[in-house]
Amino acid sequence: MGPIRKASLLWGFVGGLSFLVLLQGYELLSTQRVDWLVKFGVALVVVAGATGLSYAYQQRARRKERL
C-alpha cells in the first residue's frame, strides 16, 4: 500500500470518528437519540467520502508539484 493510499484511508477514519464524536455530543446535549444503524451507516459514508476526497486532493497536489 502506497503512502498516498494509506494517508487517504487514515484521513477517512479521522473524518468518520469525528462525525461520531460530534453526534455523541449532540445526543448528550439534546433529548433526541439517533439509531445506532443510522449512526454507523452515515459514518461509513463519511469515511468513504473523506477517503475519496483526500485521495483526489493528494493526487492533484502531487501533479501540481511536478510542474
Protein backbone atom coordinates (compact mmCIF):
# COMPACT_ATOMS: atom_id res chain seq x y z
CA MET A 1 0.00 0.00 0.00
CA GLY A 2 1.43 3.32 -1.07
CA PRO A 3 1.79 6.36 1.16
CA ILE A 4 -0.97 8.29 -0.61
CA ARG A 5 -3.47 5.47 -0.20
CA LYS A 6 -2.50 4.95 3.44
CA ALA A 7 -2.82 8.67 4.22
CA SER A 8 -6.19 8.83 2.47
CA LEU A 9 -7.53 5.91 4.50
CA LEU A 10 -6.31 7.50 7.72
CA TRP A 11 -8.00 10.80 6.84
CA GLY A 12 -11.17 8.86 6.08
CA PHE A 13 -11.13 7.23 9.51
CA VAL A 14 -10.43 10.58 11.17
CA GLY A 15 -13.46 12.02 9.38
CA GLY A 16 -15.70 9.11 10.38
CA LEU A 17 -14.63 9.19 14.01
CA SER A 18 -15.04 12.97 14.10
CA PHE A 19 -18.60 12.56 12.86
CA LEU A 20 -19.34 10.01 15.59
CA VAL A 21 -17.86 12.28 18.28
CA LEU A 22 -19.94 15.24 17.10
CA LEU A 23 -23.07 13.10 17.02
CA GLN A 24 -22.35 11.82 20.53
CA GLY A 25 -22.02 15.40 21.76
CA TYR A 26 -25.32 16.27 20.10
CA GLU A 27 -27.02 13.34 21.82
CA LEU A 28 -25.57 14.33 25.19
CA LEU A 29 -26.88 17.90 24.89
CA SER A 30 -30.31 17.12 23.43
CA THR A 31 -33.14 14.78 24.27
CA GLN A 32 -33.18 13.20 20.80
CA ARG A 33 -31.41 9.93 20.07
CA VAL A 34 -30.21 8.52 16.75
CA ASP A 35 -30.49 4.82 15.99
CA TRP A 36 -27.10 3.09 16.01
CA LEU A 37 -27.60 1.69 12.49
CA VAL A 38 -28.10 5.22 11.18
CA LYS A 39 -25.03 6.43 13.10
CA PHE A 40 -22.72 3.83 11.66
CA GLY A 41 -24.29 3.94 8.22
CA VAL A 42 -23.68 7.67 7.93
CA ALA A 43 -20.22 7.26 9.48
CA LEU A 44 -19.34 4.76 6.74
CA VAL A 45 -20.50 7.24 4.10
CA VAL A 46 -18.37 9.94 5.74
CA VAL A 47 -15.35 7.59 5.79
CA ALA A 48 -15.80 6.78 2.10
CA GLY A 49 -16.30 10.42 1.15
CA ALA A 50 -13.35 11.71 3.17
CA THR A 51 -11.12 8.95 1.82
CA GLY A 52 -12.10 9.68 -1.77
CA LEU A 53 -11.71 13.44 -1.43
CA SER A 54 -8.38 13.09 0.33
CA TYR A 55 -7.08 10.72 -2.34
CA ALA A 56 -8.19 13.03 -5.15
CA TYR A 57 -6.66 16.07 -3.48
CA GLN A 58 -3.34 14.33 -2.86
CA GLN A 59 -3.18 13.15 -6.46
CA ARG A 60 -3.87 16.67 -7.70
CA ALA A 61 -1.30 18.18 -5.34
CA ARG A 62 1.31 15.67 -6.48
CA ARG A 63 0.63 16.54 -10.16
CA LYS A 64 0.93 20.27 -9.48
CA GLU A 65 4.16 19.68 -7.56
CA ARG A 66 5.76 18.15 -10.65
CA LEU A 67 5.03 21.23 -12.76
